[in-house]
Amino acid sequence: MLKFTLNLLIIFLAIPAFSCPELQGNFDCATQDDSGPVNSFSIGKGTEGGQVIYQINGTKLVANGIPETRNKGDGFPTTYTTSCEGQSLRARMQTHVSSAFCPSLPLAVDSITVFTIKGTDIEMDDQTILSCPDKAPTNIRHIYTCKRK
């Protein structure tokens, strides 16, 4: 019975690792209609303390759906919320930045990027909302096709 219980526990602890997509490597990305900037990124996947961890361009993201706030050193904290949804990775970043777009107050940035495996490529759907208290919010959305380098 103890062996069965241990095996069951190991299976349940491993489930999060199996439900997250296998996103690893270095990629160059371009928008489908060439309307957006070209992006490059590196991504790695691992586990730490029973949780799935992604490293995207050196930023550690814990794929557990729990918001994690970090200080960037500029006085504005950044909150990351990362989760696996089927074969997609959803990464949300919320922060404030100084910007000419909103000169008198910090600009609020709410960015959601969804990484989805498409054959040997990755589709990166990036939607960002920029909010300045004295202006209407600005929505920016780009869908990228990312090819392995």
N, C-alpha and C. Protein backbone atom coordinates (compact mmCIF):
# COMPACT_ATOMS: atom_id res chain seq x y z
N MET A 1 0.83 -1.19 0.00
CA MET A 1 0.00 0.00 0.00
C MET A 1 0.87 1.26 0.00
N LEU A 2 1.96 1.23 0.77
CA LEU A 2 2.85 2.39 0.83
C LEU A 2 3.48 2.65 -0.54
N LYS A 3 3.87 1.59 -1.24
CA LYS A 3 4.47 1.75 -2.57
C LYS A 3 3.45 2.36 -3.52
N PHE A 4 2.21 1.92 -3.47
CA PHE A 4 1.14 2.47 -4.31
C PHE A 4 0.94 3.96 -4.01
N THR A 5 0.91 4.32 -2.74
CA THR A 5 0.72 5.72 -2.34
C THR A 5 1.88 6.58 -2.83
N LEU A 6 3.11 6.08 -2.70
CA LEU A 6 4.27 6.83 -3.18
C LEU A 6 4.23 7.01 -4.69
N ASN A 7 3.87 5.95 -5.42
CA ASN A 7 3.76 6.07 -6.88
C ASN A 7 2.69 7.08 -7.27
N LEU A 8 1.56 7.05 -6.58
CA LEU A 8 0.48 8.00 -6.86
C LEU A 8 0.94 9.44 -6.60
N LEU A 9 1.66 9.64 -5.51
CA LEU A 9 2.17 10.97 -5.18
C LEU A 9 3.14 11.45 -6.26
N ILE A 10 4.03 10.60 -6.71
CA ILE A 10 4.99 10.97 -7.76
C ILE A 10 4.27 11.33 -9.04
N ILE A 11 3.24 10.58 -9.40
CA ILE A 11 2.47 10.88 -10.61
C ILE A 11 1.81 12.24 -10.51
N PHE A 12 1.18 12.54 -9.39
CA PHE A 12 0.49 13.83 -9.23
C PHE A 12 1.47 14.99 -9.21
N LEU A 13 2.66 14.81 -8.65
CA LEU A 13 3.65 15.87 -8.65
C LEU A 13 4.21 16.11 -10.04
N ALA A 14 4.21 15.09 -10.88
CA ALA A 14 4.76 15.22 -12.23
C ALA A 14 3.75 15.77 -13.23
N ILE A 15 2.46 15.75 -12.92
CA ILE A 15 1.43 16.18 -13.87
C ILE A 15 1.66 17.60 -14.38
N PRO A 16 1.98 18.60 -13.54
CA PRO A 16 2.19 19.94 -14.09
C PRO A 16 3.27 19.98 -15.17
N ALA A 17 4.34 19.22 -15.02
CA ALA A 17 5.40 19.22 -16.02
C ALA A 17 4.92 18.66 -17.35
N PHE A 18 4.00 17.70 -17.32
CA PHE A 18 3.51 17.11 -18.55
C PHE A 18 2.44 17.96 -19.22
N SER A 19 1.77 18.83 -18.47
CA SER A 19 0.69 19.62 -19.05
C SER A 19 1.19 20.93 -19.65
N CYS A 20 2.46 21.23 -19.51
CA CYS A 20 3.03 22.45 -20.09
C CYS A 20 3.75 22.12 -21.39
N PRO A 21 3.71 23.05 -22.34
CA PRO A 21 4.34 22.77 -23.64
C PRO A 21 5.86 22.70 -23.54
N GLU A 22 6.44 21.93 -24.44
CA GLU A 22 7.90 21.79 -24.52
C GLU A 22 8.45 22.92 -25.38
N LEU A 23 8.64 24.06 -24.77
CA LEU A 23 9.15 25.24 -25.45
C LEU A 23 10.60 25.42 -25.04
N GLN A 24 11.51 25.14 -25.96
CA GLN A 24 12.93 25.29 -25.68
C GLN A 24 13.66 25.66 -26.95
N GLY A 25 14.64 26.55 -26.82
CA GLY A 25 15.48 26.89 -27.96
C GLY A 25 15.58 28.39 -28.18
N ASN A 26 16.23 28.73 -29.28
CA ASN A 26 16.40 30.13 -29.69
C ASN A 26 15.58 30.36 -30.94
N PHE A 27 14.84 31.47 -30.97
CA PHE A 27 13.89 31.72 -32.05
C PHE A 27 14.00 33.14 -32.59
N ASP A 28 13.77 33.28 -33.89
CA ASP A 28 13.59 34.57 -34.55
C ASP A 28 12.14 34.66 -34.95
N CYS A 29 11.51 35.80 -34.69
CA CYS A 29 10.07 35.95 -34.91
C CYS A 29 9.78 37.16 -35.80
N ALA A 30 8.79 37.00 -36.67
CA ALA A 30 8.30 38.10 -37.49
C ALA A 30 6.78 38.04 -37.50
N THR A 31 6.15 39.21 -37.63
CA THR A 31 4.69 39.22 -37.71
C THR A 31 4.26 38.63 -39.05
N GLN A 32 3.05 38.10 -39.09
CA GLN A 32 2.56 37.45 -40.29
C GLN A 32 2.39 38.42 -41.45
N ASP A 33 2.12 39.69 -41.13
CA ASP A 33 1.93 40.69 -42.20
C ASP A 33 3.05 41.73 -42.22
N ASP A 34 4.15 41.43 -41.54
CA ASP A 34 5.31 42.33 -41.45
C ASP A 34 4.97 43.71 -40.91
N SER A 35 3.90 43.81 -40.10
CA SER A 35 3.50 45.11 -39.56
C SER A 35 4.18 45.44 -38.23
N GLY A 36 4.77 44.46 -37.61
CA GLY A 36 5.36 44.68 -36.30
C GLY A 36 6.85 44.50 -36.31
N PRO A 37 7.48 44.75 -35.19
CA PRO A 37 8.93 44.60 -35.10
C PRO A 37 9.33 43.12 -35.13
N VAL A 38 10.55 42.86 -35.56
CA VAL A 38 11.09 41.50 -35.53
C VAL A 38 11.62 41.27 -34.12
N ASN A 39 11.34 40.12 -33.57
CA ASN A 39 11.78 39.77 -32.21
C ASN A 39 12.63 38.52 -32.25
N SER A 40 13.53 38.41 -31.32
CA SER A 40 14.28 37.18 -31.09
C SER A 40 14.16 36.87 -29.61
N PHE A 41 14.10 35.60 -29.28
CA PHE A 41 14.08 35.22 -27.87
C PHE A 41 14.64 33.83 -27.69
N SER A 42 15.09 33.57 -26.47
CA SER A 42 15.51 32.23 -26.09
C SER A 42 14.59 31.78 -24.96
N ILE A 43 14.28 30.50 -24.96
CA ILE A 43 13.39 29.96 -23.93
C ILE A 43 13.91 28.60 -23.49
N GLY A 44 13.83 28.36 -22.21
CA GLY A 44 14.19 27.07 -21.64
C GLY A 44 13.13 26.65 -20.66
N LYS A 45 13.03 25.36 -20.42
CA LYS A 45 12.01 24.82 -19.51
C LYS A 45 12.68 23.85 -18.55
N GLY A 46 12.24 23.89 -17.31
CA GLY A 46 12.73 22.96 -16.30
C GLY A 46 11.74 22.86 -15.16
N THR A 47 12.13 22.19 -14.11
CA THR A 47 11.28 22.11 -12.92
C THR A 47 12.13 22.51 -11.71
N GLU A 48 11.44 23.06 -10.74
CA GLU A 48 12.09 23.49 -9.51
C GLU A 48 11.06 23.38 -8.40
N GLY A 49 11.35 22.60 -7.40
CA GLY A 49 10.41 22.45 -6.29
C GLY A 49 9.06 21.91 -6.73
N GLY A 50 9.05 21.05 -7.75
CA GLY A 50 7.80 20.47 -8.25
C GLY A 50 7.00 21.39 -9.15
N GLN A 51 7.55 22.56 -9.49
CA GLN A 51 6.84 23.50 -10.36
C GLN A 51 7.59 23.66 -11.68
N VAL A 52 6.83 23.91 -12.74
CA VAL A 52 7.43 24.13 -14.05
C VAL A 52 7.96 25.56 -14.10
N ILE A 53 9.20 25.69 -14.54
CA ILE A 53 9.88 26.97 -14.65
C ILE A 53 10.27 27.19 -16.10
N TYR A 54 9.99 28.37 -16.62
CA TYR A 54 10.48 28.77 -17.93
C TYR A 54 11.46 29.92 -17.73
N GLN A 55 12.48 29.96 -18.54
CA GLN A 55 13.41 31.09 -18.60
C GLN A 55 13.24 31.69 -19.99
N ILE A 56 12.75 32.92 -20.07
CA ILE A 56 12.59 33.59 -21.36
C ILE A 56 13.52 34.80 -21.36
N ASN A 57 14.52 34.76 -22.24
CA ASN A 57 15.54 35.81 -22.29
C ASN A 57 16.09 36.13 -20.90
N GLY A 58 16.28 35.09 -20.09
CA GLY A 58 16.87 35.26 -18.77
C GLY A 58 15.90 35.57 -17.65
N THR A 59 14.63 35.82 -17.98
CA THR A 59 13.62 36.09 -16.95
C THR A 59 12.98 34.79 -16.52
N LYS A 60 13.04 34.50 -15.23
CA LYS A 60 12.48 33.27 -14.68
C LYS A 60 10.98 33.44 -14.46
N LEU A 61 10.20 32.53 -15.03
CA LEU A 61 8.74 32.55 -14.90
C LEU A 61 8.27 31.21 -14.35
N VAL A 62 7.54 31.23 -13.25
CA VAL A 62 7.00 30.03 -12.63
C VAL A 62 5.59 29.83 -13.18
N ALA A 63 5.36 28.71 -13.86
CA ALA A 63 4.09 28.46 -14.55
C ALA A 63 3.06 27.85 -13.60
N ASN A 64 2.65 28.62 -12.59
CA ASN A 64 1.68 28.12 -11.62
C ASN A 64 0.42 28.98 -11.52
N GLY A 65 0.33 30.04 -12.33
CA GLY A 65 -0.85 30.90 -12.32
C GLY A 65 -0.93 31.86 -11.15
N ILE A 66 0.10 31.88 -10.32
CA ILE A 66 0.09 32.76 -9.14
C ILE A 66 0.89 34.02 -9.45
N PRO A 67 0.30 35.21 -9.26
CA PRO A 67 1.05 36.44 -9.53
C PRO A 67 2.28 36.55 -8.63
N GLU A 68 3.40 36.96 -9.23
CA GLU A 68 4.65 37.14 -8.49
C GLU A 68 5.19 38.53 -8.81
N THR A 69 5.34 39.35 -7.78
CA THR A 69 5.80 40.72 -7.97
C THR A 69 7.28 40.83 -7.64
N ARG A 70 8.02 41.49 -8.55
CA ARG A 70 9.45 41.69 -8.37
C ARG A 70 9.77 43.17 -8.60
N ASN A 71 10.81 43.64 -7.96
CA ASN A 71 11.29 45.00 -8.19
C ASN A 71 12.34 44.98 -9.28
N LYS A 72 12.22 45.91 -10.24
CA LYS A 72 13.15 45.98 -11.36
C LYS A 72 14.31 46.93 -11.11
N GLY A 73 14.27 47.68 -10.04
CA GLY A 73 15.34 48.62 -9.76
C GLY A 73 15.03 50.05 -10.20
N ASP A 74 13.90 50.26 -10.89
CA ASP A 74 13.55 51.61 -11.33
C ASP A 74 12.44 52.22 -10.47
N GLY A 75 12.11 51.54 -9.38
CA GLY A 75 11.06 52.04 -8.49
C GLY A 75 9.67 51.53 -8.82
N PHE A 76 9.52 50.90 -9.98
CA PHE A 76 8.22 50.37 -10.38
C PHE A 76 8.25 48.85 -10.30
N PRO A 77 7.45 48.23 -9.44
CA PRO A 77 7.42 46.77 -9.38
C PRO A 77 6.78 46.19 -10.65
N THR A 78 7.17 44.97 -10.97
CA THR A 78 6.60 44.25 -12.10
C THR A 78 5.96 42.98 -11.57
N THR A 79 4.73 42.70 -11.99
CA THR A 79 4.03 41.49 -11.59
C THR A 79 3.94 40.55 -12.78
N TYR A 80 4.41 39.31 -12.58
CA TYR A 80 4.36 38.26 -13.60
C TYR A 80 3.34 37.21 -13.17
N THR A 81 2.48 36.80 -14.10
CA THR A 81 1.56 35.70 -13.86
C THR A 81 1.68 34.77 -15.06
N THR A 82 2.13 33.55 -14.82
CA THR A 82 2.43 32.62 -15.90
C THR A 82 1.69 31.31 -15.66
N SER A 83 1.09 30.77 -16.73
CA SER A 83 0.37 29.50 -16.59
C SER A 83 0.43 28.73 -17.90
N CYS A 84 0.19 27.44 -17.78
CA CYS A 84 0.09 26.56 -18.95
C CYS A 84 -1.38 26.33 -19.23
N GLU A 85 -1.74 26.48 -20.49
CA GLU A 85 -3.12 26.27 -20.92
C GLU A 85 -3.10 25.33 -22.12
N GLY A 86 -3.29 24.04 -21.84
CA GLY A 86 -3.18 23.05 -22.92
C GLY A 86 -1.75 23.03 -23.43
N GLN A 87 -1.56 23.23 -24.72
CA GLN A 87 -0.22 23.26 -25.28
C GLN A 87 0.27 24.69 -25.50
N SER A 88 -0.21 25.60 -24.68
CA SER A 88 0.22 27.00 -24.75
C SER A 88 0.76 27.46 -23.40
N LEU A 89 1.69 28.39 -23.47
CA LEU A 89 2.21 29.06 -22.28
C LEU A 89 1.69 30.48 -22.32
N ARG A 90 1.06 30.92 -21.23
CA ARG A 90 0.49 32.27 -21.14
C ARG A 90 1.28 33.04 -20.10
N ALA A 91 1.92 34.12 -20.54
CA ALA A 91 2.74 34.94 -19.65
C ALA A 91 2.19 36.36 -19.63
N ARG A 92 1.85 36.84 -18.44
CA ARG A 92 1.32 38.19 -18.29
C ARG A 92 2.31 39.02 -17.46
N MET A 93 2.55 40.24 -17.93
CA MET A 93 3.43 41.15 -17.22
C MET A 93 2.69 42.47 -17.02
N GLN A 94 2.66 42.93 -15.77
CA GLN A 94 2.02 44.20 -15.44
C GLN A 94 3.05 45.08 -14.73
N THR A 95 3.22 46.31 -15.23
CA THR A 95 4.21 47.20 -14.64
C THR A 95 3.87 48.65 -14.97
N HIS A 96 4.70 49.54 -14.53
CA HIS A 96 4.64 50.96 -14.89
C HIS A 96 6.03 51.36 -15.38
N VAL A 97 6.06 52.28 -16.34
CA VAL A 97 7.32 52.78 -16.87
C VAL A 97 7.22 54.29 -17.08
N SER A 98 8.36 54.95 -17.07
CA SER A 98 8.40 56.35 -17.46
C SER A 98 8.39 56.39 -18.98
N SER A 99 7.61 57.31 -19.55
CA SER A 99 7.47 57.32 -21.01
C SER A 99 7.08 58.70 -21.51
N ALA A 100 7.51 59.03 -22.71
CA ALA A 100 7.09 60.29 -23.35
C ALA A 100 5.61 60.25 -23.69
N PHE A 101 5.04 59.04 -23.81
CA PHE A 101 3.62 58.87 -24.11
C PHE A 101 2.76 59.42 -22.96
N CYS A 102 3.29 59.33 -21.77
CA CYS A 102 2.56 59.74 -20.56
C CYS A 102 3.57 60.50 -19.68
N PRO A 103 3.96 61.73 -20.09
CA PRO A 103 5.10 62.40 -19.44
C PRO A 103 4.91 62.76 -17.97
N SER A 104 3.70 63.09 -17.55
CA SER A 104 3.53 63.56 -16.17
C SER A 104 3.34 62.43 -15.16
N LEU A 105 2.92 61.26 -15.63
CA LEU A 105 2.65 60.13 -14.74
C LEU A 105 3.24 58.86 -15.34
N PRO A 106 3.45 57.85 -14.52
CA PRO A 106 3.94 56.59 -15.08
C PRO A 106 2.91 55.96 -16.01
N LEU A 107 3.40 55.36 -17.06
CA LEU A 107 2.58 54.65 -18.03
C LEU A 107 2.34 53.23 -17.51
N ALA A 108 1.08 52.80 -17.43
CA ALA A 108 0.76 51.44 -17.00
C ALA A 108 0.84 50.52 -18.22
N VAL A 109 1.54 49.41 -18.07
CA VAL A 109 1.71 48.44 -19.14
C VAL A 109 1.14 47.11 -18.67
N ASP A 110 0.22 46.55 -19.45
CA ASP A 110 -0.37 45.23 -19.16
C ASP A 110 -0.20 44.41 -20.43
N SER A 111 0.72 43.46 -20.41
CA SER A 111 1.07 42.70 -21.60
C SER A 111 0.81 41.21 -21.37
N ILE A 112 0.10 40.60 -22.30
CA ILE A 112 -0.14 39.15 -22.25
C ILE A 112 0.42 38.54 -23.52
N THR A 113 1.31 37.58 -23.35
CA THR A 113 1.91 36.88 -24.48
C THR A 113 1.58 35.40 -24.35
N VAL A 114 1.04 34.82 -25.43
CA VAL A 114 0.71 33.40 -25.45
C VAL A 114 1.63 32.73 -26.47
N PHE A 115 2.39 31.73 -26.01
CA PHE A 115 3.30 30.96 -26.85
C PHE A 115 2.64 29.61 -27.14
N THR A 116 2.46 29.28 -28.42
CA THR A 116 1.81 28.03 -28.81
C THR A 116 2.66 27.32 -29.85
N ILE A 117 2.88 26.02 -29.67
CA ILE A 117 3.63 25.23 -30.64
C ILE A 117 2.77 25.03 -31.88
N LYS A 118 3.34 25.31 -33.04
CA LYS A 118 2.69 25.11 -34.34
C LYS A 118 3.67 24.34 -35.22
N GLY A 119 3.60 23.01 -35.16
CA GLY A 119 4.57 22.19 -35.90
C GLY A 119 5.95 22.37 -35.30
N THR A 120 6.91 22.83 -36.11
CA THR A 120 8.26 23.09 -35.60
C THR A 120 8.45 24.55 -35.20
N ASP A 121 7.43 25.37 -35.43
CA ASP A 121 7.48 26.79 -35.10
C ASP A 121 6.73 27.07 -33.80
N ILE A 122 6.84 28.29 -33.33
CA ILE A 122 6.05 28.77 -32.20
C ILE A 122 5.28 29.99 -32.67
N GLU A 123 3.99 30.01 -32.36
CA GLU A 123 3.20 31.22 -32.58
C GLU A 123 3.25 32.02 -31.29
N MET A 124 3.57 33.29 -31.41
CA MET A 124 3.63 34.17 -30.24
C MET A 124 2.60 35.28 -30.45
N ASP A 125 1.52 35.22 -29.68
CA ASP A 125 0.44 36.21 -29.75
C ASP A 125 0.64 37.18 -28.60
N ASP A 126 1.00 38.41 -28.93
CA ASP A 126 1.35 39.41 -27.92
C ASP A 126 0.34 40.55 -27.96
N GLN A 127 -0.34 40.77 -26.84
CA GLN A 127 -1.30 41.87 -26.74
C GLN A 127 -0.90 42.73 -25.55
N THR A 128 -0.73 44.02 -25.82
CA THR A 128 -0.31 44.96 -24.79
C THR A 128 -1.30 46.12 -24.71
N ILE A 129 -1.67 46.49 -23.50
CA ILE A 129 -2.52 47.65 -23.27
C ILE A 129 -1.68 48.68 -22.52
N LEU A 130 -1.57 49.87 -23.11
CA LEU A 130 -0.86 50.98 -22.49
C LEU A 130 -1.88 51.95 -21.95
N SER A 131 -1.78 52.30 -20.68
CA SER A 131 -2.76 53.18 -20.05
C SER A 131 -2.08 54.37 -19.38
N CYS A 132 -2.55 55.54 -19.75
CA CYS A 132 -2.12 56.80 -19.15
C CYS A 132 -3.38 57.45 -18.59
N PRO A 133 -3.37 57.92 -17.34
CA PRO A 133 -4.60 58.43 -16.74
C PRO A 133 -5.32 59.51 -17.54
N ASP A 134 -4.58 60.31 -18.32
CA ASP A 134 -5.23 61.40 -19.05
C ASP A 134 -5.48 61.08 -20.52
N LYS A 135 -5.37 59.79 -20.92
CA LYS A 135 -5.60 59.39 -22.31
C LYS A 135 -6.38 58.08 -22.33
N ALA A 136 -7.00 57.82 -23.48
CA ALA A 136 -7.68 56.53 -23.66
C ALA A 136 -6.61 55.44 -23.76
N PRO A 137 -6.90 54.23 -23.26
CA PRO A 137 -5.94 53.14 -23.37
C PRO A 137 -5.61 52.83 -24.84
N THR A 138 -4.38 52.42 -25.07
CA THR A 138 -3.92 52.05 -26.40
C THR A 138 -3.69 50.55 -26.43
N ASN A 139 -4.34 49.86 -27.36
CA ASN A 139 -4.17 48.41 -27.55
C ASN A 139 -3.18 48.17 -28.67
N ILE A 140 -2.20 47.32 -28.43
CA ILE A 140 -1.24 46.93 -29.46
C ILE A 140 -1.22 45.41 -29.49
N ARG A 141 -1.45 44.85 -30.67
CA ARG A 141 -1.44 43.39 -30.79
C ARG A 141 -0.63 42.98 -32.00
N HIS A 142 0.27 42.03 -31.78
CA HIS A 142 1.05 41.45 -32.86
C HIS A 142 1.02 39.93 -32.70
N ILE A 143 0.86 39.24 -33.81
CA ILE A 143 0.96 37.78 -33.82
C ILE A 143 2.20 37.44 -34.64
N TYR A 144 3.13 36.74 -33.99
CA TYR A 144 4.41 36.42 -34.61
C TYR A 144 4.48 34.93 -34.94
N THR A 145 5.20 34.62 -36.01
CA THR A 145 5.61 33.25 -36.29
C THR A 145 7.10 33.20 -35.96
N CYS A 146 7.45 32.29 -35.06
CA CYS A 146 8.83 32.21 -34.57
C CYS A 146 9.46 30.92 -35.07
N LYS A 147 10.59 31.07 -35.74
CA LYS A 147 11.31 29.92 -36.30
C LYS A 147 12.59 29.70 -35.51
N ARG A 148 12.89 28.42 -35.30
CA ARG A 148 14.09 28.05 -34.55
C ARG A 148 15.33 28.51 -35.32
N LYS A 149 16.29 29.08 -34.59
CA LYS A 149 17.55 29.53 -35.21
C LYS A 149 18.41 28.34 -35.54
